[in-house]
PDB file of N, CA and C in Angstrom:
ATOM      1  N   UNK A   1     -48.196 -26.114  44.211  1.00  0.00           N
ATOM      2  CA  UNK A   1     -48.957 -27.012  44.957  1.00  0.00           C
ATOM      3  C   UNK A   1     -48.572 -28.771  44.177  1.00  0.00           C
ATOM      4  N   UNK A   2     -48.328 -29.659  45.050  1.00  0.00           N
ATOM      5  CA  UNK A   2     -48.163 -30.945  44.352  1.00  0.00           C
ATOM      6  C   UNK A   2     -49.488 -31.092  43.342  1.00  0.00           C
ATOM      7  N   UNK A   3     -49.288 -32.018  42.599  1.00  0.00           N
ATOM      8  CA  UNK A   3     -49.651 -32.886  41.546  1.00  0.00           C
ATOM      9  C   UNK A   3     -50.090 -33.838  41.982  1.00  0.00           C
ATOM     10  N   UNK A   4     -51.402 -34.563  42.019  1.00  0.00           N
ATOM     11  CA  UNK A   4     -52.192 -35.566  42.312  1.00  0.00           C
ATOM     12  C   UNK A   4     -52.083 -36.516  40.781  1.00  0.00           C
ATOM     13  N   UNK A   5     -51.256 -37.983  41.455  1.00  0.00           N
ATOM     14  CA  UNK A   5     -51.218 -38.797  39.850  1.00  0.00           C
ATOM     15  C   UNK A   5     -51.740 -40.138  40.207  1.00  0.00           C
ATOM     16  N   UNK A   6     -53.119 -40.133  39.467  1.00  0.00           N
ATOM     17  CA  UNK A   6     -54.328 -40.903  39.838  1.00  0.00           C
ATOM     18  C   UNK A   6     -54.025 -42.475  38.890  1.00  0.00           C
ATOM     19  N   UNK A   7     -54.541 -43.540  39.191  1.00  0.00           N
ATOM     20  CA  UNK A   7     -54.644 -44.558  38.588  1.00  0.00           C
ATOM     21  C   UNK A   7     -54.731 -44.475  36.862  1.00  0.00           C
ATOM     22  N   UNK A   8     -55.320 -43.946  36.282  1.00  0.00           N
ATOM     23  CA  UNK A   8     -55.986 -43.533  35.332  1.00  0.00           C
ATOM     24  C   UNK A   8     -55.040 -42.186  34.558  1.00  0.00           C
ATOM     25  N   UNK A   9     -54.189 -41.887  35.366  1.00  0.00           N
ATOM     26  CA  UNK A   9     -53.477 -40.998  34.547  1.00  0.00           C
ATOM     27  C   UNK A   9     -51.967 -41.250  33.638  1.00  0.00           C
ATOM     28  N   UNK A  10     -51.839 -40.431  32.589  1.00  0.00           N
ATOM     29  CA  UNK A  10     -50.641 -40.271  31.562  1.00  0.00           C
ATOM     30  C   UNK A  10     -49.663 -41.396  32.430  1.00  0.00           C
ATOM     31  N   UNK A  11     -49.018 -40.309  33.500  1.00  0.00           N
ATOM     32  CA  UNK A  11     -47.951 -40.107  34.458  1.00  0.00           C
ATOM     33  C   UNK A  11     -48.026 -41.923  34.959  1.00  0.00           C
ATOM     34  N   UNK A  12     -49.079 -42.081  35.596  1.00  0.00           N
ATOM     35  CA  UNK A  12     -48.612 -43.269  36.581  1.00  0.00           C
ATOM     36  C   UNK A  12     -48.980 -44.655  35.795  1.00  0.00           C
ATOM     37  N   UNK A  13     -49.785 -44.507  34.160  1.00  0.00           N
ATOM     38  CA  UNK A  13     -49.605 -45.585  32.842  1.00  0.00           C
ATOM     39  C   UNK A  13     -48.282 -45.542  32.609  1.00  0.00           C
ATOM     40  N   UNK A  14     -47.548 -44.435  32.060  1.00  0.00           N
ATOM     41  CA  UNK A  14     -46.165 -44.524  31.904  1.00  0.00           C
ATOM     42  C   UNK A  14     -45.048 -45.134  32.470  1.00  0.00           C
ATOM     43  N   UNK A  15     -45.430 -45.008  34.146  1.00  0.00           N
ATOM     44  CA  UNK A  15     -44.463 -45.254  35.316  1.00  0.00           C
ATOM     45  C   UNK A  15     -44.643 -47.025  35.440  1.00  0.00           C
ATOM     46  N   UNK A  16     -45.626 -47.649  35.395  1.00  0.00           N
ATOM     47  CA  UNK A  16     -46.208 -49.082  35.393  1.00  0.00           C
ATOM     48  C   UNK A  16     -45.369 -49.304  33.945  1.00  0.00           C
ATOM     49  N   UNK A  17     -45.291 -48.685  32.909  1.00  0.00           N
ATOM     50  CA  UNK A  17     -45.002 -49.551  31.807  1.00  0.00           C
ATOM     51  C   UNK A  17     -43.136 -49.445  31.910  1.00  0.00           C
ATOM     52  N   UNK A  18     -42.687 -48.540  32.486  1.00  0.00           N
ATOM     53  CA  UNK A  18     -41.500 -48.337  33.076  1.00  0.00           C
ATOM     54  C   UNK A  18     -40.831 -49.608  33.305  1.00  0.00           C
ATOM     55  N   UNK A  19     -42.017 -49.991  34.860  1.00  0.00           N
ATOM     56  CA  UNK A  19     -41.839 -50.854  35.639  1.00  0.00           C
ATOM     57  C   UNK A  19     -41.299 -51.981  35.230  1.00  0.00           C
ATOM     58  N   UNK A  20     -42.459 -52.628  34.182  1.00  0.00           N
ATOM     59  CA  UNK A  20     -42.412 -53.733  33.362  1.00  0.00           C
ATOM     60  C   UNK A  20     -41.772 -53.747  33.045  1.00  0.00           C
ATOM     61  N   UNK A  21     -40.732 -52.893  31.607  1.00  0.00           N
ATOM     62  CA  UNK A  21     -39.646 -53.166  31.181  1.00  0.00           C
ATOM     63  C   UNK A  21     -38.348 -53.273  32.048  1.00  0.00           C
ATOM     64  N   UNK A  22     -38.464 -52.775  33.436  1.00  0.00           N
ATOM     65  CA  UNK A  22     -37.167 -53.260  34.445  1.00  0.00           C
ATOM     66  C   UNK A  22     -37.008 -54.291  34.684  1.00  0.00           C
ATOM     67  N   UNK A  23     -38.487 -54.909  34.663  1.00  0.00           N
ATOM     68  CA  UNK A  23     -38.947 -56.052  35.252  1.00  0.00           C
ATOM     69  C   UNK A  23     -38.427 -56.874  34.430  1.00  0.00           C
ATOM     70  N   UNK A  24     -38.918 -57.103  33.027  1.00  0.00           N
ATOM     71  CA  UNK A  24     -38.241 -57.900  32.118  1.00  0.00           C
ATOM     72  C   UNK A  24     -37.091 -57.567  31.854  1.00  0.00           C
ATOM     73  N   UNK A  25     -36.228 -56.541  32.030  1.00  0.00           N
ATOM     74  CA  UNK A  25     -35.032 -56.612  31.858  1.00  0.00           C
ATOM     75  C   UNK A  25     -33.925 -57.869  32.378  1.00  0.00           C
ATOM     76  N   UNK A  26     -34.753 -57.187  33.985  1.00  0.00           N
ATOM     77  CA  UNK A  26     -33.705 -57.910  35.247  1.00  0.00           C
ATOM     78  C   UNK A  26     -34.134 -59.450  34.998  1.00  0.00           C
ATOM     79  N   UNK A  27     -34.828 -59.675  34.483  1.00  0.00           N
ATOM     80  CA  UNK A  27     -35.369 -61.254  34.237  1.00  0.00           C
ATOM     81  C   UNK A  27     -34.493 -61.905  32.771  1.00  0.00           C
ATOM     82  N   UNK A  28     -34.491 -60.791  31.968  1.00  0.00           N
ATOM     83  CA  UNK A  28     -33.374 -61.385  30.653  1.00  0.00           C
ATOM     84  C   UNK A  28     -32.005 -61.502  31.626  1.00  0.00           C
ATOM     85  N   UNK A  29     -31.593 -60.383  32.546  1.00  0.00           N
ATOM     86  CA  UNK A  29     -29.832 -60.869  32.504  1.00  0.00           C
ATOM     87  C   UNK A  29     -29.846 -61.757  33.701  1.00  0.00           C
ATOM     88  N   UNK A  30     -31.008 -62.344  34.420  1.00  0.00           N
ATOM     89  CA  UNK A  30     -30.709 -63.293  35.313  1.00  0.00           C
ATOM     90  C   UNK A  30     -31.140 -64.623  34.795  1.00  0.00           C
ATOM     91  N   UNK A  31     -31.662 -64.611  33.583  1.00  0.00           N
ATOM     92  CA  UNK A  31     -31.404 -66.200  32.834  1.00  0.00           C
ATOM     93  C   UNK A  31     -30.556 -66.432  31.970  1.00  0.00           C
ATOM     94  N   UNK A  32     -30.034 -65.123  31.541  1.00  0.00           N
ATOM     95  CA  UNK A  32     -28.740 -65.223  30.911  1.00  0.00           C
ATOM     96  C   UNK A  32     -27.279 -65.408  31.502  1.00  0.00           C
ATOM     97  N   UNK A  33     -27.339 -65.058  33.143  1.00  0.00           N
ATOM     98  CA  UNK A  33     -26.087 -65.118  33.256  1.00  0.00           C
ATOM     99  C   UNK A  33     -25.969 -66.403  34.218  1.00  0.00           C
ATOM    100  N   UNK A  34     -24.677 -67.108  33.943  1.00  0.00           N
ATOM    101  CA  UNK A  34     -23.976 -68.121  34.021  1.00  0.00           C
ATOM    102  C   UNK A  34     -22.960 -67.905  35.176  1.00  0.00           C
ATOM    103  N   UNK A  35     -22.750 -68.679  36.028  1.00  0.00           N
ATOM    104  CA  UNK A  35     -21.842 -68.317  36.913  1.00  0.00           C
ATOM    105  C   UNK A  35     -20.434 -69.251  36.464  1.00  0.00           C
ATOM    106  N   UNK A  36     -19.173 -68.496  36.594  1.00  0.00           N
ATOM    107  CA  UNK A  36     -18.120 -69.645  36.339  1.00  0.00           C
ATOM    108  C   UNK A  36     -17.536 -70.528  37.549  1.00  0.00           C
ATOM    109  N   UNK A  37     -17.019 -71.424  37.213  1.00  0.00           N
ATOM    110  CA  UNK A  37     -16.771 -72.639  37.735  1.00  0.00           C
ATOM    111  C   UNK A  37     -14.699 -72.575  37.634  1.00  0.00           C
ATOM    112  N   UNK A  38     -13.834 -72.414  38.457  1.00  0.00           N
ATOM    113  CA  UNK A  38     -12.506 -71.788  38.154  1.00  0.00           C
ATOM    114  C   UNK A  38     -12.109 -71.470  37.076  1.00  0.00           C
ATOM    115  N   UNK A  39     -12.997 -70.137  36.881  1.00  0.00           N
ATOM    116  CA  UNK A  39     -12.708 -68.913  36.057  1.00  0.00           C
ATOM    117  C   UNK A  39     -13.150 -69.578  34.546  1.00  0.00           C
ATOM    118  N   UNK A  40     -13.959 -70.403  34.383  1.00  0.00           N
ATOM    119  CA  UNK A  40     -14.512 -71.444  33.305  1.00  0.00           C
ATOM    120  C   UNK A  40     -16.236 -70.884  33.277  1.00  0.00           C
ATOM    121  N   UNK A  41     -16.811 -70.502  32.050  1.00  0.00           N
ATOM    122  CA  UNK A  41     -17.961 -70.535  31.615  1.00  0.00           C
ATOM    123  C   UNK A  41     -18.407 -71.842  31.392  1.00  0.00           C
ATOM    124  N   UNK A  42     -19.131 -72.239  31.512  1.00  0.00           N
ATOM    125  CA  UNK A  42     -20.309 -73.590  30.385  1.00  0.00           C
ATOM    126  C   UNK A  42     -21.533 -72.881  29.809  1.00  0.00           C
ATOM    127  N   UNK A  43     -21.560 -73.632  28.848  1.00  0.00           N
ATOM    128  CA  UNK A  43     -22.737 -73.132  28.070  1.00  0.00           C
ATOM    129  C   UNK A  43     -23.381 -74.532  28.252  1.00  0.00           C
ATOM    130  N   UNK A  44     -25.101 -74.225  28.259  1.00  0.00           N
ATOM    131  CA  UNK A  44     -26.165 -75.247  27.732  1.00  0.00           C
ATOM    132  C   UNK A  44     -25.653 -76.010  26.378  1.00  0.00           C
ATOM    133  N   UNK A  45     -26.217 -77.010  25.655  1.00  0.00           N
ATOM    134  CA  UNK A  45     -26.264 -77.040  24.592  1.00  0.00           C
ATOM    135  C   UNK A  45     -26.953 -76.134  23.684  1.00  0.00           C
ATOM    136  N   UNK A  46     -28.447 -75.593  24.422  1.00  0.00           N
ATOM    137  CA  UNK A  46     -29.370 -74.451  23.304  1.00  0.00           C
ATOM    138  C   UNK A  46     -28.324 -73.628  22.927  1.00  0.00           C
ATOM    139  N   UNK A  47     -27.586 -73.377  24.170  1.00  0.00           N
ATOM    140  CA  UNK A  47     -26.659 -71.937  23.629  1.00  0.00           C
ATOM    141  C   UNK A  47     -25.425 -72.517  22.739  1.00  0.00           C
ATOM    142  N   UNK A  48     -24.865 -73.637  22.785  1.00  0.00           N
ATOM    143  CA  UNK A  48     -24.065 -74.044  21.966  1.00  0.00           C
ATOM    144  C   UNK A  48     -24.691 -74.070  20.641  1.00  0.00           C
ATOM    145  N   UNK A  49     -25.802 -74.433  20.553  1.00  0.00           N
ATOM    146  CA  UNK A  49     -26.458 -74.661  19.176  1.00  0.00           C
ATOM    147  C   UNK A  49     -26.448 -73.447  18.458  1.00  0.00           C
ATOM    148  N   UNK A  50     -27.316 -72.325  19.438  1.00  0.00           N
ATOM    149  CA  UNK A  50     -27.182 -70.759  18.988  1.00  0.00           C
ATOM    150  C   UNK A  50     -26.145 -70.351  18.491  1.00  0.00           C
ATOM    151  N   UNK A  51     -24.867 -70.503  19.238  1.00  0.00           N
ATOM    152  CA  UNK A  51     -23.745 -69.880  18.762  1.00  0.00           C
ATOM    153  C   UNK A  51     -22.908 -70.503  17.736  1.00  0.00           C
ATOM    154  N   UNK A  52     -22.916 -71.639  17.852  1.00  0.00           N
ATOM    155  CA  UNK A  52     -22.159 -72.212  16.318  1.00  0.00           C
ATOM    156  C   UNK A  52     -23.729 -72.453  15.253  1.00  0.00           C
ATOM    157  N   UNK A  53     -24.495 -72.356  15.503  1.00  0.00           N
ATOM    158  CA  UNK A  53     -25.876 -72.116  14.182  1.00  0.00           C
ATOM    159  C   UNK A  53     -25.794 -74.089  13.752  1.00  0.00           C
ATOM    160  N   UNK A  54     -25.446 -74.983  14.775  1.00  0.00           N
ATOM    161  CA  UNK A  54     -25.964 -76.139  14.645  1.00  0.00           C
ATOM    162  C   UNK A  54     -27.158 -76.527  14.861  1.00  0.00           C
ATOM    163  N   UNK A  55     -27.464 -77.898  14.749  1.00  0.00           N
ATOM    164  CA  UNK A  55     -29.022 -78.996  15.221  1.00  0.00           C
ATOM    165  C   UNK A  55     -28.062 -79.250  15.940  1.00  0.00           C
ATOM    166  N   UNK A  56     -29.403 -79.955  17.236  1.00  0.00           N
ATOM    167  CA  UNK A  56     -28.841 -80.847  17.968  1.00  0.00           C
ATOM    168  C   UNK A  56     -28.244 -82.300  17.345  1.00  0.00           C
ATOM    169  N   UNK A  57     -28.513 -82.619  16.397  1.00  0.00           N
ATOM    170  CA  UNK A  57     -27.529 -83.914  16.087  1.00  0.00           C
ATOM    171  C   UNK A  57     -26.227 -83.553  15.339  1.00  0.00           C
ATOM    172  N   UNK A  58     -26.128 -82.912  15.256  1.00  0.00           N
ATOM    173  CA  UNK A  58     -24.616 -82.125  14.632  1.00  0.00           C
ATOM    174  C   UNK A  58     -23.810 -81.981  16.051  1.00  0.00           C
ATOM    175  N   UNK A  59     -24.509 -81.394  16.985  1.00  0.00           N
ATOM    176  CA  UNK A  59     -23.593 -81.361  18.657  1.00  0.00           C
ATOM    177  C   UNK A  59     -23.622 -82.779  18.915  1.00  0.00           C
ATOM    178  N   UNK A  60     -24.359 -83.643  18.605  1.00  0.00           N
ATOM    179  CA  UNK A  60     -23.801 -84.869  18.881  1.00  0.00           C
ATOM    180  C   UNK A  60     -23.162 -85.724  18.481  1.00  0.00           C
ATOM    181  N   UNK A  61     -22.940 -85.508  17.145  1.00  0.00           N
ATOM    182  CA  UNK A  61     -21.611 -86.033  16.418  1.00  0.00           C
ATOM    183  C   UNK A  61     -20.973 -85.081  17.155  1.00  0.00           C
ATOM    184  N   UNK A  62     -20.297 -83.996  17.111  1.00  0.00           N
ATOM    185  CA  UNK A  62     -19.352 -83.430  17.619  1.00  0.00           C
ATOM    186  C   UNK A  62     -18.611 -83.933  18.951  1.00  0.00           C
ATOM    187  N   UNK A  63     -19.738 -84.188  19.820  1.00  0.00           N
ATOM    188  CA  UNK A  63     -19.890 -84.718  21.424  1.00  0.00           C
ATOM    189  C   UNK A  63     -19.072 -86.564  21.042  1.00  0.00           C
ATOM    190  N   UNK A  64     -19.718 -87.225  19.836  1.00  0.00           N
ATOM    191  CA  UNK A  64     -19.145 -88.356  19.681  1.00  0.00           C
ATOM    192  C   UNK A  64     -18.009 -88.753  19.287  1.00  0.00           C
ATOM    193  N   UNK A  65     -17.169 -87.745  18.192  1.00  0.00           N
ATOM    194  CA  UNK A  65     -16.061 -87.652  17.525  1.00  0.00           C
ATOM    195  C   UNK A  65     -15.563 -87.084  18.145  1.00  0.00           C
ATOM    196  N   UNK A  66     -15.317 -86.783  19.403  1.00  0.00           N
ATOM    197  CA  UNK A  66     -14.791 -85.813  20.474  1.00  0.00           C
ATOM    198  C   UNK A  66     -14.201 -84.797  19.744  1.00  0.00           C
ATOM    199  N   UNK A  67     -14.614 -84.249  19.012  1.00  0.00           N
ATOM    200  CA  UNK A  67     -14.450 -82.556  18.509  1.00  0.00           C
ATOM    201  C   UNK A  67     -14.650 -81.593  19.657  1.00  0.00           C
ATOM    202  N   UNK A  68     -15.191 -81.609  20.534  1.00  0.00           N
ATOM    203  CA  UNK A  68     -16.042 -80.782  21.383  1.00  0.00           C
ATOM    204  C   UNK A  68     -16.005 -81.864  22.947  1.00  0.00           C
ATOM    205  N   UNK A  69     -15.214 -81.124  23.838  1.00  0.00           N
ATOM    206  CA  UNK A  69     -15.214 -81.598  25.183  1.00  0.00           C
ATOM    207  C   UNK A  69     -16.628 -81.287  25.839  1.00  0.00           C
ATOM    208  N   UNK A  70     -17.050 -81.681  27.195  1.00  0.00           N
ATOM    209  CA  UNK A  70     -18.365 -81.670  27.582  1.00  0.00           C
ATOM    210  C   UNK A  70     -18.461 -82.369  28.760  1.00  0.00           C
ATOM    211  N   UNK A  71     -19.017 -81.806  29.951  1.00  0.00           N
ATOM    212  CA  UNK A  71     -18.813 -82.526  31.099  1.00  0.00           C
ATOM    213  C   UNK A  71     -20.479 -82.664  31.423  1.00  0.00           C
ATOM    214  N   UNK A  72     -20.858 -83.966  31.948  1.00  0.00           N
ATOM    215  CA  UNK A  72     -21.895 -83.980  32.469  1.00  0.00           C
ATOM    216  C   UNK A  72     -22.145 -84.267  33.974  1.00  0.00           C
ATOM    217  N   UNK A  73     -23.069 -83.080  34.433  1.00  0.00           N
ATOM    218  CA  UNK A  73     -23.700 -83.130  35.951  1.00  0.00           C
ATOM    219  C   UNK A  73     -25.368 -83.374  35.999  1.00  0.00           C
ATOM    220  N   UNK A  74     -25.859 -84.331  36.756  1.00  0.00           N
ATOM    221  CA  UNK A  74     -26.918 -84.618  36.746  1.00  0.00           C
ATOM    222  C   UNK A  74     -27.983 -84.788  35.721  1.00  0.00           C
ATOM    223  N   UNK A  75     -27.356 -85.365  34.938  1.00  0.00           N
ATOM    224  CA  UNK A  75     -28.155 -85.299  33.474  1.00  0.00           C
ATOM    225  C   UNK A  75     -27.872 -84.472  32.603  1.00  0.00           C
ATOM    226  N   UNK A  76     -27.127 -82.996  32.669  1.00  0.00           N
ATOM    227  CA  UNK A  76     -27.200 -82.219  32.371  1.00  0.00           C
ATOM    228  C   UNK A  76     -25.953 -81.990  31.563  1.00  0.00           C
ATOM    229  N   UNK A  77     -25.898 -81.991  30.128  1.00  0.00           N
ATOM    230  CA  UNK A  77     -24.387 -81.654  29.109  1.00  0.00           C
ATOM    231  C   UNK A  77     -24.136 -79.954  29.403  1.00  0.00           C
ATOM    232  N   UNK A  78     -22.790 -79.949  29.875  1.00  0.00           N
ATOM    233  CA  UNK A  78     -22.648 -78.430  29.649  1.00  0.00           C
ATOM    234  C   UNK A  78     -20.927 -78.389  29.006  1.00  0.00           C
ATOM    235  N   UNK A  79     -21.098 -77.988  28.292  1.00  0.00           N
ATOM    236  CA  UNK A  79     -19.878 -77.475  27.226  1.00  0.00           C
ATOM    237  C   UNK A  79     -18.849 -76.486  27.951  1.00  0.00           C
ATOM    238  N   UNK A  80     -17.689 -76.447  28.148  1.00  0.00           N
ATOM    239  CA  UNK A  80     -16.777 -75.295  28.229  1.00  0.00           C
ATOM    240  C   UNK A  80     -16.454 -74.207  27.041  1.00  0.00           C
ATOM    241  N   UNK A  81     -16.880 -73.329  27.367  1.00  0.00           N
ATOM    242  CA  UNK A  81     -16.941 -72.139  26.263  1.00  0.00           C
ATOM    243  C   UNK A  81     -15.491 -72.044  25.563  1.00  0.00           C
ATOM    244  N   UNK A  82     -14.625 -71.906  26.578  1.00  0.00           N
ATOM    245  CA  UNK A  82     -12.982 -71.829  25.918  1.00  0.00           C
ATOM    246  C   UNK A  82     -12.499 -72.693  24.777  1.00  0.00           C
ATOM    247  N   UNK A  83     -13.402 -74.310  25.154  1.00  0.00           N
ATOM    248  CA  UNK A  83     -12.721 -75.363  24.522  1.00  0.00           C
ATOM    249  C   UNK A  83     -13.685 -75.006  23.078  1.00  0.00           C
ATOM    250  N   UNK A  84     -14.291 -74.215  23.233  1.00  0.00           N
ATOM    251  CA  UNK A  84     -15.242 -74.099  21.645  1.00  0.00           C
ATOM    252  C   UNK A  84     -14.745 -73.440  21.103  1.00  0.00           C
ATOM    253  N   UNK A  85     -13.844 -72.320  21.624  1.00  0.00           N
ATOM    254  CA  UNK A  85     -12.948 -71.180  20.808  1.00  0.00           C
ATOM    255  C   UNK A  85     -12.092 -72.287  20.215  1.00  0.00           C
ATOM    256  N   UNK A  86     -11.454 -72.493  21.499  1.00  0.00           N
ATOM    257  CA  UNK A  86     -10.394 -73.360  20.543  1.00  0.00           C
ATOM    258  C   UNK A  86     -10.587 -74.570  19.144  1.00  0.00           C
ATOM    259  N   UNK A  87     -11.720 -75.507  19.635  1.00  0.00           N
ATOM    260  CA  UNK A  87     -11.964 -75.588  18.241  1.00  0.00           C
ATOM    261  C   UNK A  87     -12.212 -74.430  16.904  1.00  0.00           C
ATOM    262  N   UNK A  88     -12.731 -73.661  17.410  1.00  0.00           N
ATOM    263  CA  UNK A  88     -12.987 -72.591  15.988  1.00  0.00           C
ATOM    264  C   UNK A  88     -11.896 -72.347  15.450  1.00  0.00           C
ATOM    265  N   UNK A  89     -10.812 -71.985  16.470  1.00  0.00           N
ATOM    266  CA  UNK A  89      -9.635 -71.144  16.125  1.00  0.00           C
ATOM    267  C   UNK A  89      -8.714 -72.217  15.480  1.00  0.00           C
ATOM    268  N   UNK A  90      -8.609 -73.819  15.795  1.00  0.00           N
ATOM    269  CA  UNK A  90      -7.955 -74.525  15.181  1.00  0.00           C
ATOM    270  C   UNK A  90      -8.604 -74.967  13.880  1.00  0.00           C
ATOM    271  N   UNK A  91     -10.077 -74.683  13.858  1.00  0.00           N
ATOM    272  CA  UNK A  91     -10.243 -75.450  12.369  1.00  0.00           C
ATOM    273  C   UNK A  91     -10.503 -74.103  11.578  1.00  0.00           C
ATOM    274  N   UNK A  92      -9.926 -72.441  11.771  1.00  0.00           N
ATOM    275  CA  UNK A  92     -10.198 -71.693  10.798  1.00  0.00           C
ATOM    276  C   UNK A  92      -9.382 -71.869   9.439  1.00  0.00           C
ATOM    277  N   UNK A  93      -9.520 -71.317   8.675  1.00  0.00           N
ATOM    278  CA  UNK A  93      -9.167 -71.344   7.282  1.00  0.00           C
ATOM    279  C   UNK A  93      -9.042 -69.786   6.939  1.00  0.00           C
ATOM    280  N   UNK A  94      -8.114 -69.233   6.468  1.00  0.00           N
ATOM    281  CA  UNK A  94      -8.165 -68.156   5.991  1.00  0.00           C
ATOM    282  C   UNK A  94      -8.477 -68.130   4.282  1.00  0.00           C
ATOM    283  N   UNK A  95      -8.895 -67.010   4.026  1.00  0.00           N
ATOM    284  CA  UNK A  95      -9.271 -66.748   2.601  1.00  0.00           C
ATOM    285  C   UNK A  95      -8.010 -66.353   1.904  1.00  0.00           C
ATOM    286  N   UNK A  96      -7.715 -67.401   1.166  1.00  0.00           N
ATOM    287  CA  UNK A  96      -5.990 -66.778   0.207  1.00  0.00           C
ATOM    288  C   UNK A  96      -6.495 -66.287  -1.102  1.00  0.00           C
ATOM    289  N   UNK A  97      -6.323 -65.252  -1.531  1.00  0.00           N
ATOM    290  CA  UNK A  97      -6.516 -64.682  -2.719  1.00  0.00           C
ATOM    291  C   UNK A  97      -5.608 -65.449  -3.389  1.00  0.00           C
ATOM    292  N   UNK A  98      -6.299 -65.582  -4.844  1.00  0.00           N
ATOM    293  CA  UNK A  98      -5.439 -66.424  -6.078  1.00  0.00           C
ATOM    294  C   UNK A  98      -4.499 -65.565  -7.064  1.00  0.00           C
ATOM    295  N   UNK A  99      -4.563 -64.152  -6.429  1.00  0.00           N
ATOM    296  CA  UNK A  99      -3.345 -63.514  -7.090  1.00  0.00           C
ATOM    297  C   UNK A  99      -2.140 -62.943  -6.055  1.00  0.00           C
TER     298      UNK A  99
END
C-alpha cells in the first residue's frame, strides 16, 4: 500500500527544507553569475574590494593613479578581471632567501 504523506509528517518537512535549500542555492548562483563581454569578465567594485581585500578609498586611489583599468556604464564602474590579474602579476615579489 502507498503511504500518505501529510503536511505534518517528517517526510514533508524534510522535502520542504530541501526545496528551500535548492532555492537558496539557485539564488546564490544567479547573484554571482556574471556574463562575459567579448570573452572578458568584469567585476563590480564590491567584488574587487573583496578580491583584493581593500577599502573603497584604496580602490578609488588605484583608479585615480591609473593602476587598474575600469569602464563606466550607466554610472556603474566595472573592472576587467584580466587586468586585475595582470596588475597582481606585475607587482608580485618573490620571497628571496638570504642564504
